Amino acid sequence: MANSPQAKKRARQADRAYAVNKARRSRIRTYLRKVEEAIASGNQEAAVAALREAQPELMRGVTKGVVHKNTAARKMSRLSARVKALGA
């Protein structure tokens, strides 16, 4: 258990950061799920719109340190390839 004032403060900060990061991660996953559902429905216009909404959210997660840069790039690449394949 944290005993020194510094350790107590770090524990409070860690709890706060955990809550914020969890909310951000959940928000990103929600946007990605909307893209997945649009792809599953086969509607390319809805999928493109959902992808456009998801991209800034995912990249914001990168700048905030919630998601790694390469992970976000990989997810965007794979999703955009799947959305593009709907039109073919």
C-alpha atoms as a PDB file:
ATOM      1  CA  MET A   1       0.000   0.000   0.000  1.00  0.00           C
ATOM      2  CA  ALA A   2       1.181   3.536  -0.753  1.00  0.00           C
ATOM      3  CA  ASN A   3       2.434   5.244   2.401  1.00  0.00           C
ATOM      4  CA  SER A   4       4.372   8.329   1.372  1.00  0.00           C
ATOM      5  CA  PRO A   5       2.452  11.371   0.109  1.00  0.00           C
ATOM      6  CA  GLN A   6       4.199  11.037  -3.250  1.00  0.00           C
ATOM      7  CA  ALA A   7       3.157   7.386  -3.619  1.00  0.00           C
ATOM      8  CA  LYS A   8      -0.418   8.222  -2.628  1.00  0.00           C
ATOM      9  CA  LYS A   9      -0.567  10.969  -5.249  1.00  0.00           C
ATOM     10  CA  ARG A  10       0.899   8.650  -7.925  1.00  0.00           C
ATOM     11  CA  ALA A  11      -1.757   6.059  -7.053  1.00  0.00           C
ATOM     12  CA  ARG A  12      -4.506   8.682  -7.470  1.00  0.00           C
ATOM     13  CA  GLN A  13      -3.026   9.815 -10.792  1.00  0.00           C
ATOM     14  CA  ALA A  14      -2.769   6.222 -12.020  1.00  0.00           C
ATOM     15  CA  ASP A  15      -6.435   5.591 -11.184  1.00  0.00           C
ATOM     16  CA  ARG A  16      -7.469   8.740 -13.024  1.00  0.00           C
ATOM     17  CA  ALA A  17      -5.365   7.900 -16.095  1.00  0.00           C
ATOM     18  CA  TYR A  18      -6.719   4.345 -16.100  1.00  0.00           C
ATOM     19  CA  ALA A  19     -10.305   5.609 -16.164  1.00  0.00           C
ATOM     20  CA  VAL A  20      -9.616   8.126 -18.939  1.00  0.00           C
ATOM     21  CA  ASN A  21      -7.721   5.614 -21.073  1.00  0.00           C
ATOM     22  CA  LYS A  22     -10.413   2.982 -20.571  1.00  0.00           C
ATOM     23  CA  ALA A  23     -13.079   5.427 -21.764  1.00  0.00           C
ATOM     24  CA  ARG A  24     -10.986   6.380 -24.811  1.00  0.00           C
ATOM     25  CA  ARG A  25     -10.327   2.735 -25.694  1.00  0.00           C
ATOM     26  CA  SER A  26     -14.029   1.940 -25.362  1.00  0.00           C
ATOM     27  CA  ARG A  27     -14.942   4.879 -27.596  1.00  0.00           C
ATOM     28  CA  ILE A  28     -12.472   3.749 -30.263  1.00  0.00           C
ATOM     29  CA  ARG A  29     -13.827   0.197 -30.165  1.00  0.00           C
ATOM     30  CA  THR A  30     -17.379   1.519 -30.562  1.00  0.00           C
ATOM     31  CA  TYR A  31     -16.420   3.398 -33.725  1.00  0.00           C
ATOM     32  CA  LEU A  32     -14.592   0.355 -35.094  1.00  0.00           C
ATOM     33  CA  ARG A  33     -17.596  -1.840 -34.341  1.00  0.00           C
ATOM     34  CA  LYS A  34     -19.832   0.546 -36.314  1.00  0.00           C
ATOM     35  CA  VAL A  35     -17.529   0.117 -39.324  1.00  0.00           C
ATOM     36  CA  GLU A  36     -17.620  -3.684 -38.912  1.00  0.00           C
ATOM     37  CA  GLU A  37     -21.419  -3.656 -38.770  1.00  0.00           C
ATOM     38  CA  ALA A  38     -21.638  -1.474 -41.880  1.00  0.00           C
ATOM     39  CA  ILE A  39     -19.311  -3.862 -43.724  1.00  0.00           C
ATOM     40  CA  ALA A  40     -21.361  -6.847 -42.572  1.00  0.00           C
ATOM     41  CA  SER A  41     -24.550  -5.211 -43.844  1.00  0.00           C
ATOM     42  CA  GLY A  42     -22.946  -4.851 -47.274  1.00  0.00           C
ATOM     43  CA  ASN A  43     -23.774  -1.155 -47.545  1.00  0.00           C
ATOM     44  CA  GLN A  44     -20.671   0.560 -48.932  1.00  0.00           C
ATOM     45  CA  GLU A  45     -21.898   4.140 -48.400  1.00  0.00           C
ATOM     46  CA  ALA A  46     -22.592   3.457 -44.721  1.00  0.00           C
ATOM     47  CA  ALA A  47     -19.237   1.697 -44.379  1.00  0.00           C
ATOM     48  CA  VAL A  48     -17.362   4.616 -45.948  1.00  0.00           C
ATOM     49  CA  ALA A  49     -19.155   7.083 -43.673  1.00  0.00           C
ATOM     50  CA  ALA A  50     -18.427   4.973 -40.589  1.00  0.00           C
ATOM     51  CA  LEU A  51     -14.782   4.625 -41.603  1.00  0.00           C
ATOM     52  CA  ARG A  52     -14.451   8.403 -42.006  1.00  0.00           C
ATOM     53  CA  GLU A  53     -15.834   8.864 -38.500  1.00  0.00           C
ATOM     54  CA  ALA A  54     -13.626   6.146 -37.019  1.00  0.00           C
ATOM     55  CA  GLN A  55     -10.314   7.358 -38.452  1.00  0.00           C
ATOM     56  CA  PRO A  56      -9.922  10.578 -36.435  1.00  0.00           C
ATOM     57  CA  GLU A  57     -11.021   8.772 -33.279  1.00  0.00           C
ATOM     58  CA  LEU A  58      -8.423   6.067 -33.805  1.00  0.00           C
ATOM     59  CA  MET A  59      -5.677   8.585 -34.576  1.00  0.00           C
ATOM     60  CA  ARG A  60      -6.633  10.592 -31.483  1.00  0.00           C
ATOM     61  CA  GLY A  61      -6.055   7.417 -29.509  1.00  0.00           C
ATOM     62  CA  VAL A  62      -2.553   7.303 -30.973  1.00  0.00           C
ATOM     63  CA  THR A  63      -1.737  10.865 -29.909  1.00  0.00           C
ATOM     64  CA  LYS A  64      -3.092  10.181 -26.412  1.00  0.00           C
ATOM     65  CA  GLY A  65      -1.001   7.038 -26.077  1.00  0.00           C
ATOM     66  CA  VAL A  66      -3.919   4.624 -25.817  1.00  0.00           C
ATOM     67  CA  VAL A  67      -3.168   2.804 -29.085  1.00  0.00           C
ATOM     68  CA  HIS A  68       0.198   2.227 -30.734  1.00  0.00           C
ATOM     69  CA  LYS A  69       0.764   4.047 -34.021  1.00  0.00           C
ATOM     70  CA  ASN A  70       1.363   0.857 -36.017  1.00  0.00           C
ATOM     71  CA  THR A  71      -1.695  -0.831 -34.522  1.00  0.00           C
ATOM     72  CA  ALA A  72      -3.890   2.069 -35.594  1.00  0.00           C
ATOM     73  CA  ALA A  73      -2.337   2.106 -39.074  1.00  0.00           C
ATOM     74  CA  ARG A  74      -2.886  -1.643 -39.429  1.00  0.00           C
ATOM     75  CA  LYS A  75      -6.529  -1.408 -38.350  1.00  0.00           C
ATOM     76  CA  MET A  76      -7.221   1.485 -40.717  1.00  0.00           C
ATOM     77  CA  SER A  77      -5.505  -0.287 -43.599  1.00  0.00           C
ATOM     78  CA  ARG A  78      -7.416  -3.529 -43.129  1.00  0.00           C
ATOM     79  CA  LEU A  79     -10.760  -1.806 -42.633  1.00  0.00           C
ATOM     80  CA  SER A  80     -10.321   0.452 -45.656  1.00  0.00           C
ATOM     81  CA  ALA A  81      -9.347  -2.553 -47.798  1.00  0.00           C
ATOM     82  CA  ARG A  82     -12.526  -4.359 -46.710  1.00  0.00           C
ATOM     83  CA  VAL A  83     -14.669  -1.278 -47.399  1.00  0.00           C
ATOM     84  CA  LYS A  84     -13.058  -0.913 -50.811  1.00  0.00           C
ATOM     85  CA  ALA A  85     -13.743  -4.578 -51.574  1.00  0.00           C
ATOM     86  CA  LEU A  86     -17.473  -3.967 -51.000  1.00  0.00           C
ATOM     87  CA  GLY A  87     -17.570  -1.810 -54.128  1.00  0.00           C
ATOM     88  CA  ALA A  88     -15.917  -4.408 -56.311  1.00  0.00           C
END
